[in-house]
Amino acid sequence: MDNTIMLTDSHFLSILQLASPALPVGAYSYSEGLEMLVENGTIASQSHLKHWLEAELLYGAIRLEAAVMVRSQQAAKISDVESISRWNLWLSAARETEELRASSWQMGRSLIQLLGKLEPQIIPIANAVGNPCNYAIAFGIAVAHWQISIQAGLLGYLHSWASNLITAGVKLIPLGQTAGQQLLLDLQPLLIAAALEILALEDDQLACCSWGLSLASMQHETQYTRLFRS
């Protein structure tokens, strides 16, 4: 397999925009259970956070999300709305907690609304998928519409996920900004390796082991004080 990613200038700028922390989809308001893990002492340092993120990339639910994003992109390229809708329902059913599902739906709705204003051509396929729309589905539609290579789109998706959680960790643990950037840099090889593995997954290989995330998410709902929504 040729792992070289070729991007035109416009495609490069498109994936930067799509994966940017400035994208107004509300990702900054979610910690994916990290806030609970910090409070109970499971994550208390840079090394703890790195271990958690590495485990999620190797075994966690982010792999399912990313794999569904890939399938959404592939289906959107050929306007296969039936497949997109089926994967959207599948991903909703695969979310273990109400908070994780609600965050995916909220971010997906926000991204679809934004894309509809920026690129009205997307509106028919977005309407066909329906509401609620998971974030991974909306992201895949955008990758397809902007003709971003799936390798670049997948790396952008994973990098955005890691960046958001590291930012949450910097605030919660707390860590310095330099430590956060070092952690993001250290994760680069694993992000690339995870992307290659996810691209090679067949449908019947989609699975994850994320019970730690599920428990943290459920406990976060009743946490006494919270900075994040999940």
C-alpha atoms as a PDB file:
ATOM      1  CA  MET A   1       0.000   0.000   0.000  1.00  0.00           C
ATOM      2  CA  ASP A   2       1.292   3.465  -0.920  1.00  0.00           C
ATOM      3  CA  ASN A   3       1.078   5.541   2.247  1.00  0.00           C
ATOM      4  CA  THR A   4       2.067   8.814   0.589  1.00  0.00           C
ATOM      5  CA  ILE A   5      -0.563  11.531   1.007  1.00  0.00           C
ATOM      6  CA  MET A   6      -0.793  13.947  -1.916  1.00  0.00           C
ATOM      7  CA  LEU A   7      -2.753  17.142  -1.293  1.00  0.00           C
ATOM      8  CA  THR A   8      -3.324  20.200  -3.414  1.00  0.00           C
ATOM      9  CA  ASP A   9      -3.046  23.533  -1.645  1.00  0.00           C
ATOM     10  CA  SER A  10      -6.838  23.876  -1.472  1.00  0.00           C
ATOM     11  CA  HIS A  11      -7.285  20.347  -0.088  1.00  0.00           C
ATOM     12  CA  PHE A  12      -4.567  21.009   2.500  1.00  0.00           C
ATOM     13  CA  LEU A  13      -6.324  24.167   3.628  1.00  0.00           C
ATOM     14  CA  SER A  14      -9.682  22.347   3.704  1.00  0.00           C
ATOM     15  CA  ILE A  15      -8.465  19.632   6.081  1.00  0.00           C
ATOM     16  CA  LEU A  16      -6.812  22.275   8.269  1.00  0.00           C
ATOM     17  CA  GLN A  17     -10.146  24.081   8.486  1.00  0.00           C
ATOM     18  CA  LEU A  18     -12.118  20.893   9.143  1.00  0.00           C
ATOM     19  CA  ALA A  19      -9.767  19.697  11.903  1.00  0.00           C
ATOM     20  CA  SER A  20      -9.223  23.122  13.438  1.00  0.00           C
ATOM     21  CA  PRO A  21     -10.028  23.717  17.134  1.00  0.00           C
ATOM     22  CA  ALA A  22     -11.694  26.916  15.912  1.00  0.00           C
ATOM     23  CA  LEU A  23     -14.366  24.927  14.049  1.00  0.00           C
ATOM     24  CA  PRO A  24     -17.598  25.972  15.803  1.00  0.00           C
ATOM     25  CA  VAL A  25     -18.982  22.534  16.645  1.00  0.00           C
ATOM     26  CA  GLY A  26     -18.545  22.636  20.429  1.00  0.00           C
ATOM     27  CA  ALA A  27     -15.793  20.009  20.703  1.00  0.00           C
ATOM     28  CA  TYR A  28     -14.070  22.115  23.355  1.00  0.00           C
ATOM     29  CA  SER A  29     -16.982  21.523  25.761  1.00  0.00           C
ATOM     30  CA  TYR A  30     -16.480  17.743  26.000  1.00  0.00           C
ATOM     31  CA  SER A  31     -13.847  15.788  27.929  1.00  0.00           C
ATOM     32  CA  GLU A  32     -15.129  12.260  27.077  1.00  0.00           C
ATOM     33  CA  GLY A  33     -14.966  11.199  30.716  1.00  0.00           C
ATOM     34  CA  LEU A  34     -11.520  12.729  31.250  1.00  0.00           C
ATOM     35  CA  GLU A  35     -12.862  15.114  33.894  1.00  0.00           C
ATOM     36  CA  MET A  36     -14.050  12.189  36.021  1.00  0.00           C
ATOM     37  CA  LEU A  37     -10.770  10.331  35.554  1.00  0.00           C
ATOM     38  CA  VAL A  38      -8.820  13.351  36.759  1.00  0.00           C
ATOM     39  CA  GLU A  39     -11.057  13.794  39.799  1.00  0.00           C
ATOM     40  CA  ASN A  40     -10.715  10.172  40.914  1.00  0.00           C
ATOM     41  CA  GLY A  41      -6.940  10.212  40.373  1.00  0.00           C
ATOM     42  CA  THR A  42      -6.780   7.764  37.481  1.00  0.00           C
ATOM     43  CA  ILE A  43      -5.170  10.478  35.362  1.00  0.00           C
ATOM     44  CA  ALA A  44      -2.897  12.807  37.325  1.00  0.00           C
ATOM     45  CA  SER A  45       0.060  13.545  35.074  1.00  0.00           C
ATOM     46  CA  GLN A  46       1.268  13.945  31.513  1.00  0.00           C
ATOM     47  CA  SER A  47       2.365  10.300  31.389  1.00  0.00           C
ATOM     48  CA  HIS A  48      -1.038   9.121  32.654  1.00  0.00           C
ATOM     49  CA  LEU A  49      -2.826  11.119  29.952  1.00  0.00           C
ATOM     50  CA  LYS A  50      -0.471   9.816  27.280  1.00  0.00           C
ATOM     51  CA  HIS A  51      -1.137   6.229  28.374  1.00  0.00           C
ATOM     52  CA  TRP A  52      -4.908   6.818  28.271  1.00  0.00           C
ATOM     53  CA  LEU A  53      -4.822   8.333  24.786  1.00  0.00           C
ATOM     54  CA  GLU A  54      -2.550   5.570  23.501  1.00  0.00           C
ATOM     55  CA  ALA A  55      -4.911   2.914  24.846  1.00  0.00           C
ATOM     56  CA  GLU A  56      -7.893   4.640  23.241  1.00  0.00           C
ATOM     57  CA  LEU A  57      -6.120   4.790  19.881  1.00  0.00           C
ATOM     58  CA  LEU A  58      -5.191   1.114  20.104  1.00  0.00           C
ATOM     59  CA  TYR A  59      -8.437  -0.318  21.480  1.00  0.00           C
ATOM     60  CA  GLY A  60     -11.017   2.409  22.137  1.00  0.00           C
ATOM     61  CA  ALA A  61     -14.211   3.768  20.648  1.00  0.00           C
ATOM     62  CA  ILE A  62     -12.356   6.408  18.620  1.00  0.00           C
ATOM     63  CA  ARG A  63     -11.375   3.597  16.252  1.00  0.00           C
ATOM     64  CA  LEU A  64     -15.044   2.823  15.594  1.00  0.00           C
ATOM     65  CA  GLU A  65     -15.853   6.492  15.038  1.00  0.00           C
ATOM     66  CA  ALA A  66     -12.952   6.905  12.646  1.00  0.00           C
ATOM     67  CA  ALA A  67     -13.828   3.732  10.742  1.00  0.00           C
ATOM     68  CA  VAL A  68     -17.410   4.935  10.320  1.00  0.00           C
ATOM     69  CA  MET A  69     -16.109   8.317   9.143  1.00  0.00           C
ATOM     70  CA  VAL A  70     -14.180   6.479   6.420  1.00  0.00           C
ATOM     71  CA  ARG A  71     -17.311   4.622   5.353  1.00  0.00           C
ATOM     72  CA  SER A  72     -19.320   7.836   5.361  1.00  0.00           C
ATOM     73  CA  GLN A  73     -16.755   9.460   3.073  1.00  0.00           C
ATOM     74  CA  GLN A  74     -16.754   6.497   0.706  1.00  0.00           C
ATOM     75  CA  ALA A  75     -20.546   6.456   0.511  1.00  0.00           C
ATOM     76  CA  ALA A  76     -20.819  10.236   0.111  1.00  0.00           C
ATOM     77  CA  LYS A  77     -18.427  10.134  -2.848  1.00  0.00           C
ATOM     78  CA  ILE A  78     -20.973   8.081  -4.779  1.00  0.00           C
ATOM     79  CA  SER A  79     -24.052   9.685  -3.187  1.00  0.00           C
ATOM     80  CA  ASP A  80     -25.008   6.407  -1.489  1.00  0.00           C
ATOM     81  CA  VAL A  81     -27.329   7.969   1.073  1.00  0.00           C
ATOM     82  CA  GLU A  82     -28.716   4.598   2.142  1.00  0.00           C
ATOM     83  CA  SER A  83     -25.277   3.460   3.291  1.00  0.00           C
ATOM     84  CA  ILE A  84     -24.596   6.734   5.085  1.00  0.00           C
ATOM     85  CA  SER A  85     -27.920   6.476   6.929  1.00  0.00           C
ATOM     86  CA  ARG A  86     -27.243   2.859   7.868  1.00  0.00           C
ATOM     87  CA  TRP A  87     -23.819   3.690   9.315  1.00  0.00           C
ATOM     88  CA  ASN A  88     -25.264   6.683  11.118  1.00  0.00           C
ATOM     89  CA  LEU A  89     -27.798   4.423  12.865  1.00  0.00           C
ATOM     90  CA  TRP A  90     -25.105   1.827  13.557  1.00  0.00           C
ATOM     91  CA  LEU A  91     -22.817   4.365  15.238  1.00  0.00           C
ATOM     92  CA  SER A  92     -25.667   5.754  17.348  1.00  0.00           C
ATOM     93  CA  ALA A  93     -26.428   2.234  18.572  1.00  0.00           C
ATOM     94  CA  ALA A  94     -22.744   1.567  19.314  1.00  0.00           C
ATOM     95  CA  ARG A  95     -22.434   4.441  21.802  1.00  0.00           C
ATOM     96  CA  GLU A  96     -22.378   3.004  25.309  1.00  0.00           C
ATOM     97  CA  THR A  97     -23.700   6.021  27.224  1.00  0.00           C
ATOM     98  CA  GLU A  98     -26.275   8.722  26.698  1.00  0.00           C
ATOM     99  CA  GLU A  99     -23.682  11.492  27.143  1.00  0.00           C
ATOM    100  CA  LEU A 100     -21.305  10.104  24.517  1.00  0.00           C
ATOM    101  CA  ARG A 101     -24.171   9.674  22.059  1.00  0.00           C
ATOM    102  CA  ALA A 102     -25.525  13.163  22.784  1.00  0.00           C
ATOM    103  CA  SER A 103     -22.113  14.761  22.254  1.00  0.00           C
ATOM    104  CA  SER A 104     -21.719  12.997  18.907  1.00  0.00           C
ATOM    105  CA  TRP A 105     -25.204  14.099  17.828  1.00  0.00           C
ATOM    106  CA  GLN A 106     -24.682  17.703  18.946  1.00  0.00           C
ATOM    107  CA  MET A 107     -21.343  18.051  17.160  1.00  0.00           C
ATOM    108  CA  GLY A 108     -22.723  16.341  14.075  1.00  0.00           C
ATOM    109  CA  ARG A 109     -25.728  18.654  13.987  1.00  0.00           C
ATOM    110  CA  SER A 110     -23.497  21.713  14.387  1.00  0.00           C
ATOM    111  CA  LEU A 111     -21.126  20.591  11.633  1.00  0.00           C
ATOM    112  CA  ILE A 112     -23.963  19.786   9.228  1.00  0.00           C
ATOM    113  CA  GLN A 113     -25.545  23.195   9.862  1.00  0.00           C
ATOM    114  CA  LEU A 114     -22.196  24.902   9.290  1.00  0.00           C
ATOM    115  CA  LEU A 115     -21.532  22.956   6.098  1.00  0.00           C
ATOM    116  CA  GLY A 116     -25.010  23.785   4.819  1.00  0.00           C
ATOM    117  CA  LYS A 117     -24.221  27.491   5.153  1.00  0.00           C
ATOM    118  CA  LEU A 118     -20.717  27.207   3.680  1.00  0.00           C
ATOM    119  CA  GLU A 119     -21.555  24.664   0.968  1.00  0.00           C
ATOM    120  CA  PRO A 120     -25.302  24.615   0.109  1.00  0.00           C
ATOM    121  CA  GLN A 121     -24.681  21.689  -2.266  1.00  0.00           C
ATOM    122  CA  ILE A 122     -24.328  19.474   0.814  1.00  0.00           C
ATOM    123  CA  ILE A 123     -27.864  20.211   2.046  1.00  0.00           C
ATOM    124  CA  PRO A 124     -29.668  17.495  -0.013  1.00  0.00           C
ATOM    125  CA  ILE A 125     -27.414  14.677   1.228  1.00  0.00           C
ATOM    126  CA  ALA A 126     -27.539  16.047   4.791  1.00  0.00           C
ATOM    127  CA  ASN A 127     -31.334  16.135   4.682  1.00  0.00           C
ATOM    128  CA  ALA A 128     -31.423  12.603   3.337  1.00  0.00           C
ATOM    129  CA  VAL A 129     -29.265  11.320   6.206  1.00  0.00           C
ATOM    130  CA  GLY A 130     -31.607  13.014   8.657  1.00  0.00           C
ATOM    131  CA  ASN A 131     -31.345  14.149  12.255  1.00  0.00           C
ATOM    132  CA  PRO A 132     -29.661  13.165  14.530  1.00  0.00           C
ATOM    133  CA  CYS A 133     -26.445  12.940  12.547  1.00  0.00           C
ATOM    134  CA  ASN A 134     -23.290  11.698  14.243  1.00  0.00           C
ATOM    135  CA  TYR A 135     -20.169  13.829  14.061  1.00  0.00           C
ATOM    136  CA  ALA A 136     -18.167  11.138  12.259  1.00  0.00           C
ATOM    137  CA  ILE A 137     -20.841  10.979   9.559  1.00  0.00           C
ATOM    138  CA  ALA A 138     -20.870  14.750   9.044  1.00  0.00           C
ATOM    139  CA  PHE A 139     -17.068  14.820   8.969  1.00  0.00           C
ATOM    140  CA  GLY A 140     -16.985  12.106   6.310  1.00  0.00           C
ATOM    141  CA  ILE A 141     -19.496  13.997   4.169  1.00  0.00           C
ATOM    142  CA  ALA A 142     -17.295  17.097   4.372  1.00  0.00           C
ATOM    143  CA  VAL A 143     -14.148  15.119   3.470  1.00  0.00           C
ATOM    144  CA  ALA A 144     -15.905  13.714   0.419  1.00  0.00           C
ATOM    145  CA  HIS A 145     -17.371  17.054  -0.668  1.00  0.00           C
ATOM    146  CA  TRP A 146     -14.038  18.862  -0.404  1.00  0.00           C
ATOM    147  CA  GLN A 147     -12.302  15.965  -2.205  1.00  0.00           C
ATOM    148  CA  ILE A 148      -9.794  15.481   0.583  1.00  0.00           C
ATOM    149  CA  SER A 149      -7.908  12.187   0.391  1.00  0.00           C
ATOM    150  CA  ILE A 150      -9.276   9.705   2.896  1.00  0.00           C
ATOM    151  CA  GLN A 151      -5.817   9.256   4.457  1.00  0.00           C
ATOM    152  CA  ALA A 152      -5.562  12.986   5.139  1.00  0.00           C
ATOM    153  CA  GLY A 153      -9.168  13.163   6.311  1.00  0.00           C
ATOM    154  CA  LEU A 154      -8.648  10.279   8.727  1.00  0.00           C
ATOM    155  CA  LEU A 155      -5.457  11.773  10.145  1.00  0.00           C
ATOM    156  CA  GLY A 156      -7.257  15.085  10.537  1.00  0.00           C
ATOM    157  CA  TYR A 157     -10.110  13.392  12.393  1.00  0.00           C
ATOM    158  CA  LEU A 158      -7.782  11.545  14.783  1.00  0.00           C
ATOM    159  CA  HIS A 159      -5.565  14.585  15.306  1.00  0.00           C
ATOM    160  CA  SER A 160      -8.589  16.751  16.114  1.00  0.00           C
ATOM    161  CA  TRP A 161      -9.785  14.164  18.667  1.00  0.00           C
ATOM    162  CA  ALA A 162      -6.370  13.958  20.335  1.00  0.00           C
ATOM    163  CA  SER A 163      -5.918  17.730  20.333  1.00  0.00           C
ATOM    164  CA  ASN A 164      -9.304  18.303  21.998  1.00  0.00           C
ATOM    165  CA  LEU A 165      -8.615  15.795  24.786  1.00  0.00           C
ATOM    166  CA  ILE A 166      -5.095  17.083  25.366  1.00  0.00           C
ATOM    167  CA  THR A 167      -6.498  20.598  25.676  1.00  0.00           C
ATOM    168  CA  ALA A 168      -8.972  19.290  28.250  1.00  0.00           C
ATOM    169  CA  GLY A 169      -6.131  17.575  30.089  1.00  0.00           C
ATOM    170  CA  VAL A 170      -4.059  20.752  30.127  1.00  0.00           C
ATOM    171  CA  LYS A 171      -6.940  22.494  31.903  1.00  0.00           C
ATOM    172  CA  LEU A 172      -7.944  19.691  34.251  1.00  0.00           C
ATOM    173  CA  ILE A 173      -4.763  18.023  35.517  1.00  0.00           C
ATOM    174  CA  PRO A 174      -3.429  20.753  34.990  1.00  0.00           C
ATOM    175  CA  LEU A 175      -0.515  20.664  32.544  1.00  0.00           C
ATOM    176  CA  GLY A 176       1.483  23.439  30.947  1.00  0.00           C
ATOM    177  CA  GLN A 177       0.910  24.349  27.316  1.00  0.00           C
ATOM    178  CA  THR A 178       4.378  23.064  26.403  1.00  0.00           C
ATOM    179  CA  ALA A 179       3.617  19.700  27.988  1.00  0.00           C
ATOM    180  CA  GLY A 180       0.423  19.501  25.981  1.00  0.00           C
ATOM    181  CA  GLN A 181       2.221  20.207  22.724  1.00  0.00           C
ATOM    182  CA  GLN A 182       4.938  17.683  23.574  1.00  0.00           C
ATOM    183  CA  LEU A 183       2.273  15.073  24.169  1.00  0.00           C
ATOM    184  CA  LEU A 184       0.610  15.828  20.841  1.00  0.00           C
ATOM    185  CA  LEU A 185       3.996  15.537  19.117  1.00  0.00           C
ATOM    186  CA  ASP A 186       4.750  12.241  20.863  1.00  0.00           C
ATOM    187  CA  LEU A 187       1.430  10.813  19.669  1.00  0.00           C
ATOM    188  CA  GLN A 188       2.118  11.475  15.978  1.00  0.00           C
ATOM    189  CA  PRO A 189       3.602   8.016  15.174  1.00  0.00           C
ATOM    190  CA  LEU A 190       0.673   6.276  16.865  1.00  0.00           C
ATOM    191  CA  LEU A 191      -1.855   8.496  15.070  1.00  0.00           C
ATOM    192  CA  ILE A 192      -0.305   7.483  11.745  1.00  0.00           C
ATOM    193  CA  ALA A 193      -0.187   3.793  12.674  1.00  0.00           C
ATOM    194  CA  ALA A 194      -3.787   3.862  13.920  1.00  0.00           C
ATOM    195  CA  ALA A 195      -4.955   5.523  10.706  1.00  0.00           C
ATOM    196  CA  LEU A 196      -3.350   2.792   8.589  1.00  0.00           C
ATOM    197  CA  GLU A 197      -4.930   0.062  10.725  1.00  0.00           C
ATOM    198  CA  ILE A 198      -8.365   1.699  10.597  1.00  0.00           C
ATOM    199  CA  LEU A 199      -8.221   2.024   6.811  1.00  0.00           C
ATOM    200  CA  ALA A 200      -7.585  -1.720   6.539  1.00  0.00           C
ATOM    201  CA  LEU A 201     -10.499  -2.785   8.781  1.00  0.00           C
ATOM    202  CA  GLU A 202     -13.299  -4.819   7.234  1.00  0.00           C
ATOM    203  CA  ASP A 203     -16.861  -4.236   8.408  1.00  0.00           C
ATOM    204  CA  ASP A 204     -16.902  -7.391  10.534  1.00  0.00           C
ATOM    205  CA  GLN A 205     -13.697  -6.302  12.274  1.00  0.00           C
ATOM    206  CA  LEU A 206     -15.238  -3.181  13.788  1.00  0.00           C
ATOM    207  CA  ALA A 207     -14.938  -3.626  17.535  1.00  0.00           C
ATOM    208  CA  CYS A 208     -13.494  -1.838  20.538  1.00  0.00           C
ATOM    209  CA  CYS A 209     -12.749  -2.270  24.227  1.00  0.00           C
ATOM    210  CA  SER A 210     -13.822   0.963  25.888  1.00  0.00           C
ATOM    211  CA  TRP A 211     -15.402  -0.028  29.188  1.00  0.00           C
ATOM    212  CA  GLY A 212     -13.114   2.425  31.036  1.00  0.00           C
ATOM    213  CA  LEU A 213     -14.442   5.281  28.923  1.00  0.00           C
ATOM    214  CA  SER A 214     -18.010   4.088  29.433  1.00  0.00           C
ATOM    215  CA  LEU A 215     -17.681   3.959  33.224  1.00  0.00           C
ATOM    216  CA  ALA A 216     -16.018   7.375  33.346  1.00  0.00           C
ATOM    217  CA  SER A 217     -18.763   8.815  31.144  1.00  0.00           C
ATOM    218  CA  MET A 218     -21.534   7.412  33.342  1.00  0.00           C
ATOM    219  CA  GLN A 219     -19.884   8.679  36.536  1.00  0.00           C
ATOM    220  CA  HIS A 220     -19.298  12.105  35.013  1.00  0.00           C
ATOM    221  CA  GLU A 221     -23.053  12.628  34.738  1.00  0.00           C
ATOM    222  CA  THR A 222     -23.325  12.839  38.540  1.00  0.00           C
ATOM    223  CA  GLN A 223     -19.983  14.511  39.232  1.00  0.00           C
ATOM    224  CA  TYR A 224     -20.465  17.290  41.789  1.00  0.00           C
ATOM    225  CA  THR A 225     -18.655  20.057  39.902  1.00  0.00           C
ATOM    226  CA  ARG A 226     -17.993  19.988  36.179  1.00  0.00           C
ATOM    227  CA  LEU A 227     -16.220  22.167  33.624  1.00  0.00           C
ATOM    228  CA  PHE A 228     -17.194  19.951  30.677  1.00  0.00           C
ATOM    229  CA  ARG A 229     -20.463  18.550  29.377  1.00  0.00           C
ATOM    230  CA  SER A 230     -19.220  14.959  29.225  1.00  0.00           C
END
